[in-house]
C-alpha atoms as a PDB file:
ATOM      1  CA  UNK A   1       0.123   0.042   0.019  1.00  0.00           C
ATOM      2  CA  UNK A   2       1.218   3.385  -1.305  1.00  0.00           C
ATOM      3  CA  UNK A   3       0.684   5.936   1.495  1.00  0.00           C
ATOM      4  CA  UNK A   4       0.955   9.622   0.103  1.00  0.00           C
ATOM      5  CA  UNK A   5       3.241  12.288   1.121  1.00  0.00           C
ATOM      6  CA  UNK A   6       1.169  15.587   2.846  1.00  0.00           C
ATOM      7  CA  UNK A   7       3.245  18.656   2.570  1.00  0.00           C
ATOM      8  CA  UNK A   8       2.677  21.213   4.541  1.00  0.00           C
ATOM      9  CA  UNK A   9       3.912  25.052   4.413  1.00  0.00           C
ATOM     10  CA  UNK A  10       6.069  25.016   7.553  1.00  0.00           C
ATOM     11  CA  UNK A  11       8.125  21.596   5.763  1.00  0.00           C
ATOM     12  CA  UNK A  12       8.732  24.116   1.927  1.00  0.00           C
ATOM     13  CA  UNK A  13       8.656  27.496   3.305  1.00  0.00           C
ATOM     14  CA  UNK A  14      11.869  27.891   5.612  1.00  0.00           C
ATOM     15  CA  UNK A  15      14.154  26.770   1.953  1.00  0.00           C
ATOM     16  CA  UNK A  16      11.395  29.182  -0.415  1.00  0.00           C
ATOM     17  CA  UNK A  17      12.363  31.973   2.243  1.00  0.00           C
ATOM     18  CA  UNK A  18      16.078  31.152   2.108  1.00  0.00           C
ATOM     19  CA  UNK A  19      16.272  31.273  -2.248  1.00  0.00           C
ATOM     20  CA  UNK A  20      14.635  34.197  -1.956  1.00  0.00           C
ATOM     21  CA  UNK A  21      16.905  36.253   0.510  1.00  0.00           C
ATOM     22  CA  UNK A  22      19.848  34.870  -1.017  1.00  0.00           C
ATOM     23  CA  UNK A  23      18.555  36.427  -4.151  1.00  0.00           C
ATOM     24  CA  UNK A  24      17.489  40.039  -3.818  1.00  0.00           C
ATOM     25  CA  UNK A  25      20.734  40.003  -1.286  1.00  0.00           C
ATOM     26  CA  UNK A  26      23.269  38.850  -4.860  1.00  0.00           C
ATOM     27  CA  UNK A  27      20.428  41.126  -6.812  1.00  0.00           C
ATOM     28  CA  UNK A  28      21.184  44.010  -4.921  1.00  0.00           C
ATOM     29  CA  UNK A  29      24.620  43.670  -4.576  1.00  0.00           C
ATOM     30  CA  UNK A  30      24.446  43.921  -8.580  1.00  0.00           C
ATOM     31  CA  UNK A  31      22.614  46.743  -8.677  1.00  0.00           C
ATOM     32  CA  UNK A  32      24.854  48.725  -6.490  1.00  0.00           C
ATOM     33  CA  UNK A  33      27.508  48.250  -8.405  1.00  0.00           C
ATOM     34  CA  UNK A  34      26.173  48.916 -11.682  1.00  0.00           C
ATOM     35  CA  UNK A  35      23.965  52.276 -10.312  1.00  0.00           C
ATOM     36  CA  UNK A  36      27.433  53.350 -10.124  1.00  0.00           C
ATOM     37  CA  UNK A  37      28.757  55.742 -12.899  1.00  0.00           C
ATOM     38  CA  UNK A  38      31.663  54.398 -15.235  1.00  0.00           C
ATOM     39  CA  UNK A  39      33.880  56.841 -16.094  1.00  0.00           C
ATOM     40  CA  UNK A  40      35.311  54.152 -18.588  1.00  0.00           C
ATOM     41  CA  UNK A  41      31.684  54.328 -20.939  1.00  0.00           C
ATOM     42  CA  UNK A  42      31.419  57.725 -20.736  1.00  0.00           C
ATOM     43  CA  UNK A  43      32.830  60.482 -23.121  1.00  0.00           C
ATOM     44  CA  UNK A  44      35.321  62.883 -21.690  1.00  0.00           C
ATOM     45  CA  UNK A  45      32.662  66.025 -21.980  1.00  0.00           C
ATOM     46  CA  UNK A  46      29.681  63.332 -20.403  1.00  0.00           C
ATOM     47  CA  UNK A  47      31.925  62.567 -17.300  1.00  0.00           C
ATOM     48  CA  UNK A  48      32.356  65.730 -17.157  1.00  0.00           C
ATOM     49  CA  UNK A  49      28.773  66.628 -17.342  1.00  0.00           C
ATOM     50  CA  UNK A  50      27.864  64.459 -15.147  1.00  0.00           C
ATOM     51  CA  UNK A  51      30.076  65.749 -12.311  1.00  0.00           C
ATOM     52  CA  UNK A  52      28.907  69.291 -13.201  1.00  0.00           C
ATOM     53  CA  UNK A  53      24.884  68.372 -13.324  1.00  0.00           C
ATOM     54  CA  UNK A  54      25.230  66.634  -9.773  1.00  0.00           C
ATOM     55  CA  UNK A  55      27.699  67.915  -7.667  1.00  0.00           C
ATOM     56  CA  UNK A  56      29.607  65.872  -6.398  1.00  0.00           C
ATOM     57  CA  UNK A  57      29.091  62.350  -7.384  1.00  0.00           C
ATOM     58  CA  UNK A  58      31.473  58.729  -6.969  1.00  0.00           C
ATOM     59  CA  UNK A  59      32.327  56.602 -10.388  1.00  0.00           C
ATOM     60  CA  UNK A  60      34.086  53.707 -10.785  1.00  0.00           C
ATOM     61  CA  UNK A  61      37.116  54.289 -12.490  1.00  0.00           C
ATOM     62  CA  UNK A  62      38.395  50.912 -13.297  1.00  0.00           C
ATOM     63  CA  UNK A  63      38.263  47.241 -12.653  1.00  0.00           C
ATOM     64  CA  UNK A  64      38.099  48.006  -8.992  1.00  0.00           C
ATOM     65  CA  UNK A  65      38.390  51.489  -8.455  1.00  0.00           C
ATOM     66  CA  UNK A  66      35.991  53.982  -7.575  1.00  0.00           C
ATOM     67  CA  UNK A  67      36.590  57.551  -6.704  1.00  0.00           C
ATOM     68  CA  UNK A  68      34.657  60.545  -5.841  1.00  0.00           C
ATOM     69  CA  UNK A  69      34.043  63.467  -8.069  1.00  0.00           C
ATOM     70  CA  UNK A  70      33.050  67.594  -7.088  1.00  0.00           C
ATOM     71  CA  UNK A  71      32.913  70.754  -8.963  1.00  0.00           C
ATOM     72  CA  UNK A  72      34.219  72.823  -6.891  1.00  0.00           C
ATOM     73  CA  UNK A  73      34.702  73.276  -3.504  1.00  0.00           C
ATOM     74  CA  UNK A  74      31.355  74.491  -1.915  1.00  0.00           C
ATOM     75  CA  UNK A  75      31.116  70.641  -1.829  1.00  0.00           C
ATOM     76  CA  UNK A  76      33.808  70.192   0.233  1.00  0.00           C
ATOM     77  CA  UNK A  77      32.864  72.039   3.171  1.00  0.00           C
ATOM     78  CA  UNK A  78      33.249  72.139   6.091  1.00  0.00           C
ATOM     79  CA  UNK A  79      36.366  69.660   5.973  1.00  0.00           C
ATOM     80  CA  UNK A  80      38.195  71.606   3.181  1.00  0.00           C
ATOM     81  CA  UNK A  81      38.013  74.134   1.487  1.00  0.00           C
ATOM     82  CA  UNK A  82      40.643  73.531  -1.339  1.00  0.00           C
ATOM     83  CA  UNK A  83      40.161  71.507  -4.659  1.00  0.00           C
ATOM     84  CA  UNK A  84      42.747  69.631  -7.044  1.00  0.00           C
ATOM     85  CA  UNK A  85      41.866  68.405 -10.144  1.00  0.00           C
ATOM     86  CA  UNK A  86      41.250  64.712 -10.937  1.00  0.00           C
ATOM     87  CA  UNK A  87      41.583  62.533 -13.836  1.00  0.00           C
ATOM     88  CA  UNK A  88      40.101  59.261 -14.491  1.00  0.00           C
ATOM     89  CA  UNK A  89      39.939  57.682 -18.132  1.00  0.00           C
ATOM     90  CA  UNK A  90      37.239  57.583 -20.062  1.00  0.00           C
ATOM     91  CA  UNK A  91      36.239  56.365 -23.742  1.00  0.00           C
ATOM     92  CA  UNK A  92      37.745  59.055 -25.457  1.00  0.00           C
ATOM     93  CA  UNK A  93      40.791  59.508 -23.358  1.00  0.00           C
ATOM     94  CA  UNK A  94      42.493  58.220 -20.954  1.00  0.00           C
ATOM     95  CA  UNK A  95      43.684  61.336 -18.609  1.00  0.00           C
ATOM     96  CA  UNK A  96      40.164  63.414 -18.739  1.00  0.00           C
ATOM     97  CA  UNK A  97      40.226  65.895 -15.840  1.00  0.00           C
ATOM     98  CA  UNK A  98      36.598  64.430 -15.140  1.00  0.00           C
ATOM     99  CA  UNK A  99      36.263  67.481 -11.736  1.00  0.00           C
ATOM    100  CA  UNK A 100      38.071  67.957  -9.043  1.00  0.00           C
ATOM    101  CA  UNK A 101      39.115  66.513  -5.656  1.00  0.00           C
ATOM    102  CA  UNK A 102      38.484  67.697  -1.655  1.00  0.00           C
ATOM    103  CA  UNK A 103      42.488  68.938  -0.714  1.00  0.00           C
ATOM    104  CA  UNK A 104      43.024  69.951   2.863  1.00  0.00           C
ATOM    105  CA  UNK A 105      46.789  71.579   3.309  1.00  0.00           C
ATOM    106  CA  UNK A 106      47.424  70.230   7.156  1.00  0.00           C
ATOM    107  CA  UNK A 107      50.858  73.114   7.123  1.00  0.00           C
ATOM    108  CA  UNK A 108      48.166  75.610   7.179  1.00  0.00           C
ATOM    109  CA  UNK A 109      46.509  74.230  10.455  1.00  0.00           C
END
């Protein structure tokens, strides 16, 4: 005599919840990585325009690198009120002046 096996929600729900959780975590990590603009996929002018438009932006600059670019010193306060040019590779320029970085001269303190 064959007995039919009955499944209850309590038997399979933890497995489904775990799988769903893992897939959501993986998807959010991929989205977070892809959400950051990549200077290498833009022209120099496009990267510069993005910094100018947003004022400050973190962009991917290489396979494992990223950097924060600011339009001007207003985006550095209160830590600093000086900027220096920041360069990054773009689609059309290996050393594009994308924007600036905040700079603090420690000797002036």
